[in-house]
Amino acid sequence: MARTGSFAGPSEGYAEPLSYIHPKDNDFAKAKYHPDLLDPKLKLTDEERDRLQAEIDELFSAAKLTESL
């Protein structure tokens, strides 16, 4: 049976870069922390960044919870 109707073109272009999905520099560590925590002027260690990022995440979660109440 033949298909009838209107058909759209391809959903993705051929051979387009997918850099919006995967960072070009392959550095996923940058995405682990808030951009402000990566400022070299702060001279933070990885442990300090981890602790601060955990606090940021906790505050953000608390804000989201209270927003829905």
N, C-alpha and C. Protein backbone atom coordinates (compact mmCIF):
# COMPACT_ATOMS: atom_id res chain seq x y z
N MET A 1 0.84 -1.16 0.00
CA MET A 1 0.00 0.00 0.00
C MET A 1 0.90 1.24 0.00
N ALA A 2 0.58 2.17 -0.85
CA ALA A 2 1.37 3.39 -0.96
C ALA A 2 1.02 4.35 0.17
N ARG A 3 2.02 5.09 0.62
CA ARG A 3 1.79 6.08 1.67
C ARG A 3 1.37 7.39 1.02
N THR A 4 0.38 8.00 1.59
CA THR A 4 -0.08 9.27 1.04
C THR A 4 0.01 10.35 2.12
N GLY A 5 0.08 11.58 1.69
CA GLY A 5 0.14 12.70 2.62
C GLY A 5 1.35 13.56 2.34
N SER A 6 1.54 14.56 3.18
CA SER A 6 2.71 15.42 3.00
C SER A 6 3.79 14.98 3.96
N PHE A 7 5.00 15.01 3.48
CA PHE A 7 6.13 14.56 4.28
C PHE A 7 7.14 15.69 4.41
N ALA A 8 7.67 15.86 5.61
CA ALA A 8 8.69 16.88 5.85
C ALA A 8 10.05 16.34 5.43
N GLY A 9 10.98 17.22 5.32
CA GLY A 9 12.34 16.81 4.98
C GLY A 9 13.02 16.14 6.17
N PRO A 10 14.31 15.92 6.07
CA PRO A 10 15.02 15.25 7.16
C PRO A 10 15.00 16.10 8.43
N SER A 11 14.98 15.46 9.58
CA SER A 11 14.94 16.19 10.84
C SER A 11 16.30 16.78 11.21
N GLU A 12 17.36 16.23 10.65
CA GLU A 12 18.71 16.74 10.90
C GLU A 12 19.43 16.89 9.57
N GLY A 13 20.29 17.89 9.52
CA GLY A 13 21.08 18.07 8.32
C GLY A 13 22.18 17.03 8.23
N TYR A 14 22.59 16.74 7.02
CA TYR A 14 23.63 15.74 6.82
C TYR A 14 25.00 16.31 7.18
N ALA A 15 25.77 15.59 7.99
CA ALA A 15 27.15 15.90 8.36
C ALA A 15 27.29 17.22 9.12
N GLU A 16 26.26 17.59 9.87
CA GLU A 16 26.37 18.79 10.69
C GLU A 16 27.07 18.43 11.99
N PRO A 17 27.89 19.35 12.52
CA PRO A 17 28.58 19.04 13.78
C PRO A 17 27.59 18.97 14.94
N LEU A 18 27.83 18.08 15.85
CA LEU A 18 26.94 17.91 16.99
C LEU A 18 27.58 18.49 18.25
N SER A 19 28.30 19.58 18.11
CA SER A 19 29.02 20.16 19.23
C SER A 19 28.08 20.69 20.31
N TYR A 20 26.83 20.94 19.95
CA TYR A 20 25.89 21.39 20.96
C TYR A 20 25.52 20.26 21.91
N ILE A 21 25.80 19.03 21.54
CA ILE A 21 25.54 17.88 22.39
C ILE A 21 26.79 17.51 23.18
N HIS A 22 27.91 17.55 22.55
CA HIS A 22 29.18 17.15 23.14
C HIS A 22 30.15 18.31 23.04
N PRO A 23 30.77 18.72 24.15
CA PRO A 23 31.68 19.86 24.07
C PRO A 23 32.87 19.58 23.15
N LYS A 24 33.28 20.59 22.42
CA LYS A 24 34.38 20.41 21.47
C LYS A 24 35.68 20.05 22.17
N ASP A 25 35.90 20.61 23.37
CA ASP A 25 37.16 20.35 24.05
C ASP A 25 37.13 19.07 24.89
N ASN A 26 36.01 18.37 24.93
CA ASN A 26 35.86 17.12 25.68
C ASN A 26 36.13 17.28 27.17
N ASP A 27 35.98 18.47 27.71
CA ASP A 27 36.27 18.70 29.11
C ASP A 27 34.96 18.75 29.89
N PHE A 28 34.52 17.60 30.37
CA PHE A 28 33.28 17.53 31.12
C PHE A 28 33.46 18.05 32.54
N ALA A 29 34.70 18.20 32.99
CA ALA A 29 34.94 18.74 34.33
C ALA A 29 34.43 20.17 34.44
N LYS A 30 34.46 20.90 33.34
CA LYS A 30 33.97 22.28 33.36
C LYS A 30 32.47 22.31 33.63
N ALA A 31 31.76 21.33 33.13
CA ALA A 31 30.31 21.29 33.34
C ALA A 31 29.95 20.83 34.74
N LYS A 32 30.92 20.28 35.46
CA LYS A 32 30.68 19.78 36.81
C LYS A 32 30.46 20.91 37.80
N TYR A 33 31.11 22.05 37.54
CA TYR A 33 31.06 23.19 38.46
C TYR A 33 30.35 24.38 37.83
N HIS A 34 29.79 25.22 38.67
CA HIS A 34 29.23 26.48 38.21
C HIS A 34 30.38 27.30 37.61
N PRO A 35 30.15 28.03 36.51
CA PRO A 35 31.24 28.77 35.85
C PRO A 35 31.99 29.73 36.78
N ASP A 36 31.30 30.31 37.75
CA ASP A 36 31.98 31.23 38.67
C ASP A 36 33.02 30.52 39.52
N LEU A 37 32.83 29.23 39.77
CA LEU A 37 33.79 28.49 40.59
C LEU A 37 35.06 28.16 39.83
N LEU A 38 35.06 28.34 38.52
CA LEU A 38 36.24 28.03 37.70
C LEU A 38 37.16 29.23 37.53
N ASP A 39 36.82 30.35 38.13
CA ASP A 39 37.64 31.56 38.02
C ASP A 39 39.00 31.31 38.67
N PRO A 40 40.09 31.43 37.90
CA PRO A 40 41.42 31.17 38.46
C PRO A 40 41.82 32.15 39.56
N LYS A 41 41.19 33.32 39.60
CA LYS A 41 41.51 34.30 40.64
C LYS A 41 41.11 33.80 42.02
N LEU A 42 40.14 32.89 42.09
CA LEU A 42 39.70 32.38 43.39
C LEU A 42 40.69 31.40 44.01
N LYS A 43 41.51 30.77 43.16
CA LYS A 43 42.53 29.81 43.61
C LYS A 43 41.92 28.72 44.49
N LEU A 44 40.83 28.12 44.01
CA LEU A 44 40.15 27.06 44.75
C LEU A 44 40.76 25.70 44.42
N THR A 45 40.82 24.85 45.42
CA THR A 45 41.23 23.47 45.18
C THR A 45 40.00 22.69 44.71
N ASP A 46 40.22 21.48 44.22
CA ASP A 46 39.09 20.66 43.78
C ASP A 46 38.16 20.32 44.94
N GLU A 47 38.73 20.10 46.12
CA GLU A 47 37.90 19.81 47.29
C GLU A 47 37.02 21.01 47.65
N GLU A 48 37.58 22.20 47.58
CA GLU A 48 36.81 23.41 47.86
C GLU A 48 35.71 23.61 46.81
N ARG A 49 36.05 23.36 45.55
CA ARG A 49 35.04 23.48 44.49
C ARG A 49 33.91 22.48 44.71
N ASP A 50 34.29 21.24 45.08
CA ASP A 50 33.26 20.21 45.32
C ASP A 50 32.33 20.64 46.45
N ARG A 51 32.90 21.15 47.54
CA ARG A 51 32.10 21.55 48.69
C ARG A 51 31.18 22.72 48.32
N LEU A 52 31.74 23.72 47.63
CA LEU A 52 30.94 24.87 47.23
C LEU A 52 29.85 24.50 46.23
N GLN A 53 30.17 23.63 45.30
CA GLN A 53 29.17 23.19 44.32
C GLN A 53 28.06 22.43 45.01
N ALA A 54 28.40 21.60 46.01
CA ALA A 54 27.38 20.88 46.76
C ALA A 54 26.46 21.86 47.49
N GLU A 55 27.03 22.92 48.05
CA GLU A 55 26.21 23.94 48.72
C GLU A 55 25.30 24.66 47.73
N ILE A 56 25.84 24.97 46.56
CA ILE A 56 25.04 25.63 45.52
C ILE A 56 23.89 24.73 45.11
N ASP A 57 24.17 23.45 44.88
CA ASP A 57 23.13 22.51 44.48
C ASP A 57 22.06 22.37 45.56
N GLU A 58 22.49 22.34 46.83
CA GLU A 58 21.54 22.21 47.93
C GLU A 58 20.64 23.44 48.03
N LEU A 59 21.23 24.62 47.90
CA LEU A 59 20.44 25.85 47.95
C LEU A 59 19.47 25.93 46.78
N PHE A 60 19.93 25.53 45.61
CA PHE A 60 19.07 25.54 44.43
C PHE A 60 17.90 24.58 44.60
N SER A 61 18.19 23.39 45.15
CA SER A 61 17.13 22.41 45.38
C SER A 61 16.12 22.93 46.40
N ALA A 62 16.62 23.55 47.46
CA ALA A 62 15.71 24.10 48.47
C ALA A 62 14.84 25.19 47.87
N ALA A 63 15.41 26.01 47.03
CA ALA A 63 14.65 27.07 46.38
C ALA A 63 13.57 26.48 45.48
N LYS A 64 13.90 25.43 44.76
CA LYS A 64 12.92 24.80 43.87
C LYS A 64 11.79 24.16 44.67
N LEU A 65 12.13 23.58 45.83
CA LEU A 65 11.11 22.96 46.67
C LEU A 65 10.16 24.00 47.23
N THR A 66 10.69 25.09 47.71
CA THR A 66 9.83 26.13 48.30
C THR A 66 9.04 26.86 47.23
N GLU A 67 9.55 26.87 46.02
CA GLU A 67 8.84 27.51 44.91
C GLU A 67 7.53 26.78 44.60
N SER A 68 7.56 25.48 44.74
CA SER A 68 6.38 24.68 44.38
C SER A 68 5.34 24.63 45.49
N LEU A 69 5.66 25.14 46.68
CA LEU A 69 4.70 25.09 47.80
C LEU A 69 3.65 26.15 47.69
